[in-house]
Amino acid sequence: MINSPLVTPQSLPDIILMDIQLPEVDGFQIIRHLKLHPLWKNVPTIAIAIAVWLLVPMPTSASL
């Protein structure tokens, strides 16, 4: 996709939000690959990591 003939300077996104915890590939590797490409290197990139936590009620002092 990075080297696709369909990608032109006019079709590039304004910004990239990159999940760094992808299941099959390291998001940082993709960012490094993008920054080496002359067409993609100037597109601002924000690396994000989303963690989903199970919300468990904390005990109160009355329940201890």
PDB file of N, CA and C in Angstrom:
ATOM      1  N   MET A   1       0.825  -1.202   0.000  1.00  0.00           N
ATOM      2  CA  MET A   1       0.000   0.000   0.000  1.00  0.00           C
ATOM      3  C   MET A   1       0.863   1.258   0.000  1.00  0.00           C
ATOM      4  N   ILE A   2       1.995   1.229   0.679  1.00  0.00           N
ATOM      5  CA  ILE A   2       2.851   2.411   0.747  1.00  0.00           C
ATOM      6  C   ILE A   2       3.359   2.786  -0.645  1.00  0.00           C
ATOM      7  N   ASN A   3       3.683   1.787  -1.450  1.00  0.00           N
ATOM      8  CA  ASN A   3       4.210   2.037  -2.791  1.00  0.00           C
ATOM      9  C   ASN A   3       3.154   1.933  -3.877  1.00  0.00           C
ATOM     10  N   SER A   4       1.919   2.019  -3.522  1.00  0.00           N
ATOM     11  CA  SER A   4       0.832   1.897  -4.485  1.00  0.00           C
ATOM     12  C   SER A   4       0.856   3.056  -5.482  1.00  0.00           C
ATOM     13  N   PRO A   5       0.642   2.774  -6.770  1.00  0.00           N
ATOM     14  CA  PRO A   5       0.557   3.860  -7.743  1.00  0.00           C
ATOM     15  C   PRO A   5      -0.674   4.749  -7.526  1.00  0.00           C
ATOM     16  N   LEU A   6      -1.602   4.286  -6.713  1.00  0.00           N
ATOM     17  CA  LEU A   6      -2.794   5.083  -6.418  1.00  0.00           C
ATOM     18  C   LEU A   6      -2.533   6.167  -5.385  1.00  0.00           C
ATOM     19  N   VAL A   7      -1.409   6.046  -4.657  1.00  0.00           N
ATOM     20  CA  VAL A   7      -1.078   7.037  -3.635  1.00  0.00           C
ATOM     21  C   VAL A   7      -0.346   8.197  -4.295  1.00  0.00           C
ATOM     22  N   THR A   8      -0.913   9.371  -4.157  1.00  0.00           N
ATOM     23  CA  THR A   8      -0.321  10.595  -4.695  1.00  0.00           C
ATOM     24  C   THR A   8      -0.204  11.603  -3.556  1.00  0.00           C
ATOM     25  N   PRO A   9       0.574  12.652  -3.735  1.00  0.00           N
ATOM     26  CA  PRO A   9       0.638  13.673  -2.674  1.00  0.00           C
ATOM     27  C   PRO A   9      -0.742  14.222  -2.303  1.00  0.00           C
ATOM     28  N   GLN A  10      -1.636  14.294  -3.274  1.00  0.00           N
ATOM     29  CA  GLN A  10      -2.986  14.818  -3.006  1.00  0.00           C
ATOM     30  C   GLN A  10      -3.855  13.816  -2.234  1.00  0.00           C
ATOM     31  N   SER A  11      -3.524  12.529  -2.303  1.00  0.00           N
ATOM     32  CA  SER A  11      -4.359  11.523  -1.644  1.00  0.00           C
ATOM     33  C   SER A  11      -3.855  11.137  -0.255  1.00  0.00           C
ATOM     34  N   LEU A  12      -2.723  11.691   0.164  1.00  0.00           N
ATOM     35  CA  LEU A  12      -2.185  11.342   1.487  1.00  0.00           C
ATOM     36  C   LEU A  12      -3.083  11.874   2.594  1.00  0.00           C
ATOM     37  N   PRO A  13      -3.131  11.189   3.727  1.00  0.00           N
ATOM     38  CA  PRO A  13      -3.926  11.690   4.853  1.00  0.00           C
ATOM     39  C   PRO A  13      -3.244  12.903   5.494  1.00  0.00           C
ATOM     40  N   ASP A  14      -4.005  13.679   6.235  1.00  0.00           N
ATOM     41  CA  ASP A  14      -3.451  14.825   6.952  1.00  0.00           C
ATOM     42  C   ASP A  14      -2.617  14.387   8.143  1.00  0.00           C
ATOM     43  N   ILE A  15      -2.989  13.259   8.732  1.00  0.00           N
ATOM     44  CA  ILE A  15      -2.294  12.739   9.912  1.00  0.00           C
ATOM     45  C   ILE A  15      -2.542  11.229   9.987  1.00  0.00           C
ATOM     46  N   ILE A  16      -1.627  10.525  10.625  1.00  0.00           N
ATOM     47  CA  ILE A  16      -1.778   9.082  10.822  1.00  0.00           C
ATOM     48  C   ILE A  16      -1.811   8.804  12.319  1.00  0.00           C
ATOM     49  N   LEU A  17      -2.826   8.103  12.783  1.00  0.00           N
ATOM     50  CA  LEU A  17      -2.879   7.593  14.153  1.00  0.00           C
ATOM     51  C   LEU A  17      -2.524   6.116  14.065  1.00  0.00           C
ATOM     52  N   MET A  18      -1.360   5.755  14.609  1.00  0.00           N
ATOM     53  CA  MET A  18      -0.855   4.392  14.472  1.00  0.00           C
ATOM     54  C   MET A  18      -0.919   3.666  15.810  1.00  0.00           C
ATOM     55  N   ASP A  19      -1.677   2.595  15.843  1.00  0.00           N
ATOM     56  CA  ASP A  19      -1.708   1.720  17.016  1.00  0.00           C
ATOM     57  C   ASP A  19      -0.381   0.959  17.039  1.00  0.00           C
ATOM     58  N   ILE A  20       0.355   1.072  18.116  1.00  0.00           N
ATOM     59  CA  ILE A  20       1.669   0.406  18.180  1.00  0.00           C
ATOM     60  C   ILE A  20       1.577  -1.026  18.680  1.00  0.00           C
ATOM     61  N   GLN A  21       0.388  -1.444  19.118  1.00  0.00           N
ATOM     62  CA  GLN A  21       0.216  -2.801  19.638  1.00  0.00           C
ATOM     63  C   GLN A  21      -0.674  -3.611  18.700  1.00  0.00           C
ATOM     64  N   LEU A  22      -0.249  -3.735  17.461  1.00  0.00           N
ATOM     65  CA  LEU A  22      -1.007  -4.513  16.490  1.00  0.00           C
ATOM     66  C   LEU A  22      -0.719  -5.992  16.690  1.00  0.00           C
ATOM     67  N   PRO A  23      -1.662  -6.868  16.372  1.00  0.00           N
ATOM     68  CA  PRO A  23      -1.469  -8.295  16.650  1.00  0.00           C
ATOM     69  C   PRO A  23      -0.377  -8.968  15.813  1.00  0.00           C
ATOM     70  N   GLU A  24      -0.191  -8.569  14.574  1.00  0.00           N
ATOM     71  CA  GLU A  24       0.736  -9.271  13.691  1.00  0.00           C
ATOM     72  C   GLU A  24       2.039  -8.515  13.432  1.00  0.00           C
ATOM     73  N   VAL A  25       2.059  -7.209  13.693  1.00  0.00           N
ATOM     74  CA  VAL A  25       3.219  -6.390  13.340  1.00  0.00           C
ATOM     75  C   VAL A  25       3.402  -5.286  14.379  1.00  0.00           C
ATOM     76  N   ASP A  26       4.629  -4.836  14.523  1.00  0.00           N
ATOM     77  CA  ASP A  26       4.951  -3.750  15.453  1.00  0.00           C
ATOM     78  C   ASP A  26       4.622  -2.417  14.777  1.00  0.00           C
ATOM     79  N   GLY A  27       3.770  -1.630  15.400  1.00  0.00           N
ATOM     80  CA  GLY A  27       3.385  -0.339  14.839  1.00  0.00           C
ATOM     81  C   GLY A  27       4.560   0.596  14.645  1.00  0.00           C
ATOM     82  N   PHE A  28       5.579   0.502  15.526  1.00  0.00           N
ATOM     83  CA  PHE A  28       6.768   1.338  15.371  1.00  0.00           C
ATOM     84  C   PHE A  28       7.518   0.981  14.086  1.00  0.00           C
ATOM     85  N   GLN A  29       7.515  -0.286  13.697  1.00  0.00           N
ATOM     86  CA  GLN A  29       8.159  -0.696  12.444  1.00  0.00           C
ATOM     87  C   GLN A  29       7.457  -0.055  11.254  1.00  0.00           C
ATOM     88  N   ILE A  30       6.152  -0.009  11.298  1.00  0.00           N
ATOM     89  CA  ILE A  30       5.403   0.609  10.202  1.00  0.00           C
ATOM     90  C   ILE A  30       5.729   2.098  10.129  1.00  0.00           C
ATOM     91  N   ILE A  31       5.792   2.766  11.283  1.00  0.00           N
ATOM     92  CA  ILE A  31       6.129   4.191  11.300  1.00  0.00           C
ATOM     93  C   ILE A  31       7.521   4.417  10.715  1.00  0.00           C
ATOM     94  N   ARG A  32       8.493   3.593  11.121  1.00  0.00           N
ATOM     95  CA  ARG A  32       9.849   3.733  10.574  1.00  0.00           C
ATOM     96  C   ARG A  32       9.837   3.536   9.055  1.00  0.00           C
ATOM     97  N   HIS A  33       9.088   2.574   8.590  1.00  0.00           N
ATOM     98  CA  HIS A  33       8.979   2.309   7.153  1.00  0.00           C
ATOM     99  C   HIS A  33       8.371   3.516   6.434  1.00  0.00           C
ATOM    100  N   LEU A  34       7.335   4.099   7.004  1.00  0.00           N
ATOM    101  CA  LEU A  34       6.707   5.276   6.408  1.00  0.00           C
ATOM    102  C   LEU A  34       7.677   6.444   6.336  1.00  0.00           C
ATOM    103  N   LYS A  35       8.455   6.655   7.398  1.00  0.00           N
ATOM    104  CA  LYS A  35       9.364   7.803   7.468  1.00  0.00           C
ATOM    105  C   LYS A  35      10.545   7.665   6.518  1.00  0.00           C
ATOM    106  N   LEU A  36      10.803   6.468   6.010  1.00  0.00           N
ATOM    107  CA  LEU A  36      11.863   6.270   5.026  1.00  0.00           C
ATOM    108  C   LEU A  36      11.377   6.521   3.593  1.00  0.00           C
ATOM    109  N   HIS A  37      10.062   6.570   3.404  1.00  0.00           N
ATOM    110  CA  HIS A  37       9.487   6.737   2.073  1.00  0.00           C
ATOM    111  C   HIS A  37       9.364   8.239   1.754  1.00  0.00           C
ATOM    112  N   PRO A  38       9.858   8.676   0.588  1.00  0.00           N
ATOM    113  CA  PRO A  38       9.832  10.109   0.273  1.00  0.00           C
ATOM    114  C   PRO A  38       8.436  10.730   0.222  1.00  0.00           C
ATOM    115  N   LEU A  39       7.436   9.954  -0.149  1.00  0.00           N
ATOM    116  CA  LEU A  39       6.081  10.490  -0.233  1.00  0.00           C
ATOM    117  C   LEU A  39       5.400  10.566   1.136  1.00  0.00           C
ATOM    118  N   TRP A  40       5.658   9.580   1.988  1.00  0.00           N
ATOM    119  CA  TRP A  40       4.969   9.476   3.277  1.00  0.00           C
ATOM    120  C   TRP A  40       5.712  10.152   4.429  1.00  0.00           C
ATOM    121  N   LYS A  41       6.984  10.460   4.267  1.00  0.00           N
ATOM    122  CA  LYS A  41       7.813  10.880   5.400  1.00  0.00           C
ATOM    123  C   LYS A  41       7.364  12.172   6.080  1.00  0.00           C
ATOM    124  N   ASN A  42       6.655  13.032   5.371  1.00  0.00           N
ATOM    125  CA  ASN A  42       6.228  14.301   5.971  1.00  0.00           C
ATOM    126  C   ASN A  42       4.819  14.268   6.550  1.00  0.00           C
ATOM    127  N   VAL A  43       4.178  13.117   6.495  1.00  0.00           N
ATOM    128  CA  VAL A  43       2.840  13.003   7.083  1.00  0.00           C
ATOM    129  C   VAL A  43       3.012  12.853   8.600  1.00  0.00           C
ATOM    130  N   PRO A  44       2.439  13.766   9.395  1.00  0.00           N
ATOM    131  CA  PRO A  44       2.559  13.648  10.852  1.00  0.00           C
ATOM    132  C   PRO A  44       1.960  12.323  11.335  1.00  0.00           C
ATOM    133  N   THR A  45       2.659  11.700  12.279  1.00  0.00           N
ATOM    134  CA  THR A  45       2.232  10.401  12.800  1.00  0.00           C
ATOM    135  C   THR A  45       2.199  10.444  14.320  1.00  0.00           C
ATOM    136  N   ILE A  46       1.124   9.957  14.880  1.00  0.00           N
ATOM    137  CA  ILE A  46       0.983   9.856  16.334  1.00  0.00           C
ATOM    138  C   ILE A  46       0.859   8.387  16.684  1.00  0.00           C
ATOM    139  N   ALA A  47       1.768   7.921  17.531  1.00  0.00           N
ATOM    140  CA  ALA A  47       1.728   6.531  17.985  1.00  0.00           C
ATOM    141  C   ALA A  47       0.819   6.453  19.211  1.00  0.00           C
ATOM    142  N   ILE A  48      -0.106   5.507  19.190  1.00  0.00           N
ATOM    143  CA  ILE A  48      -1.022   5.331  20.315  1.00  0.00           C
ATOM    144  C   ILE A  48      -1.022   3.867  20.755  1.00  0.00           C
ATOM    145  N   ALA A  49      -1.340   3.678  22.002  1.00  0.00           N
ATOM    146  CA  ALA A  49      -1.518   2.327  22.543  1.00  0.00           C
ATOM    147  C   ALA A  49      -2.788   2.370  23.383  1.00  0.00           C
ATOM    148  N   ILE A  50      -3.685   1.471  23.110  1.00  0.00           N
ATOM    149  CA  ILE A  50      -4.943   1.434  23.841  1.00  0.00           C
ATOM    150  C   ILE A  50      -4.978   0.157  24.666  1.00  0.00           C
ATOM    151  N   ALA A  51      -5.123   0.329  25.952  1.00  0.00           N
ATOM    152  CA  ALA A  51      -5.228  -0.822  26.847  1.00  0.00           C
ATOM    153  C   ALA A  51      -6.662  -0.862  27.391  1.00  0.00           C
ATOM    154  N   VAL A  52      -7.238  -2.020  27.365  1.00  0.00           N
ATOM    155  CA  VAL A  52      -8.582  -2.197  27.904  1.00  0.00           C
ATOM    156  C   VAL A  52      -8.443  -2.918  29.232  1.00  0.00           C
ATOM    157  N   TRP A  53      -8.911  -2.294  30.256  1.00  0.00           N
ATOM    158  CA  TRP A  53      -8.806  -2.852  31.606  1.00  0.00           C
ATOM    159  C   TRP A  53     -10.192  -3.255  32.089  1.00  0.00           C
ATOM    160  N   LEU A  54     -10.246  -4.356  32.792  1.00  0.00           N
ATOM    161  CA  LEU A  54     -11.485  -4.797  33.418  1.00  0.00           C
ATOM    162  C   LEU A  54     -11.717  -3.930  34.643  1.00  0.00           C
ATOM    163  N   LEU A  55     -12.842  -3.280  34.680  1.00  0.00           N
ATOM    164  CA  LEU A  55     -13.147  -2.404  35.810  1.00  0.00           C
ATOM    165  C   LEU A  55     -13.757  -3.226  36.934  1.00  0.00           C
ATOM    166  N   VAL A  56     -13.058  -3.280  38.056  1.00  0.00           N
ATOM    167  CA  VAL A  56     -13.517  -4.029  39.217  1.00  0.00           C
ATOM    168  C   VAL A  56     -13.713  -3.032  40.351  1.00  0.00           C
ATOM    169  N   PRO A  57     -14.877  -3.040  40.973  1.00  0.00           N
ATOM    170  CA  PRO A  57     -15.098  -2.109  42.091  1.00  0.00           C
ATOM    171  C   PRO A  57     -14.085  -2.356  43.204  1.00  0.00           C
ATOM    172  N   MET A  58     -13.513  -1.275  43.702  1.00  0.00           N
ATOM    173  CA  MET A  58     -12.566  -1.369  44.820  1.00  0.00           C
ATOM    174  C   MET A  58     -13.358  -1.483  46.118  1.00  0.00           C
ATOM    175  N   PRO A  59     -12.866  -2.296  47.051  1.00  0.00           N
ATOM    176  CA  PRO A  59     -13.572  -2.404  48.338  1.00  0.00           C
ATOM    177  C   PRO A  59     -13.469  -1.087  49.111  1.00  0.00           C
ATOM    178  N   THR A  60     -14.516  -0.779  49.829  1.00  0.00           N
ATOM    179  CA  THR A  60     -14.500   0.412  50.681  1.00  0.00           C
ATOM    180  C   THR A  60     -14.035   0.011  52.064  1.00  0.00           C
ATOM    181  N   SER A  61     -13.700   0.981  52.867  1.00  0.00           N
ATOM    182  CA  SER A  61     -13.244   0.672  54.222  1.00  0.00           C
ATOM    183  C   SER A  61     -14.351   0.004  55.034  1.00  0.00           C
ATOM    184  N   ALA A  62     -15.614   0.271  54.707  1.00  0.00           N
ATOM    185  CA  ALA A  62     -16.724  -0.354  55.432  1.00  0.00           C
ATOM    186  C   ALA A  62     -16.841  -1.840  55.113  1.00  0.00           C
ATOM    187  N   SER A  63     -16.389  -2.256  53.917  1.00  0.00           N
ATOM    188  CA  SER A  63     -16.523  -3.661  53.550  1.00  0.00           C
ATOM    189  C   SER A  63     -15.312  -4.497  53.949  1.00  0.00           C
ATOM    190  N   LEU A  64     -14.267  -3.873  54.481  1.00  0.00           N
ATOM    191  CA  LEU A  64     -13.084  -4.615  54.902  1.00  0.00           C
ATOM    192  C   LEU A  64     -13.291  -5.206  56.224  1.00  0.00           C
TER     193      LEU A  64
END
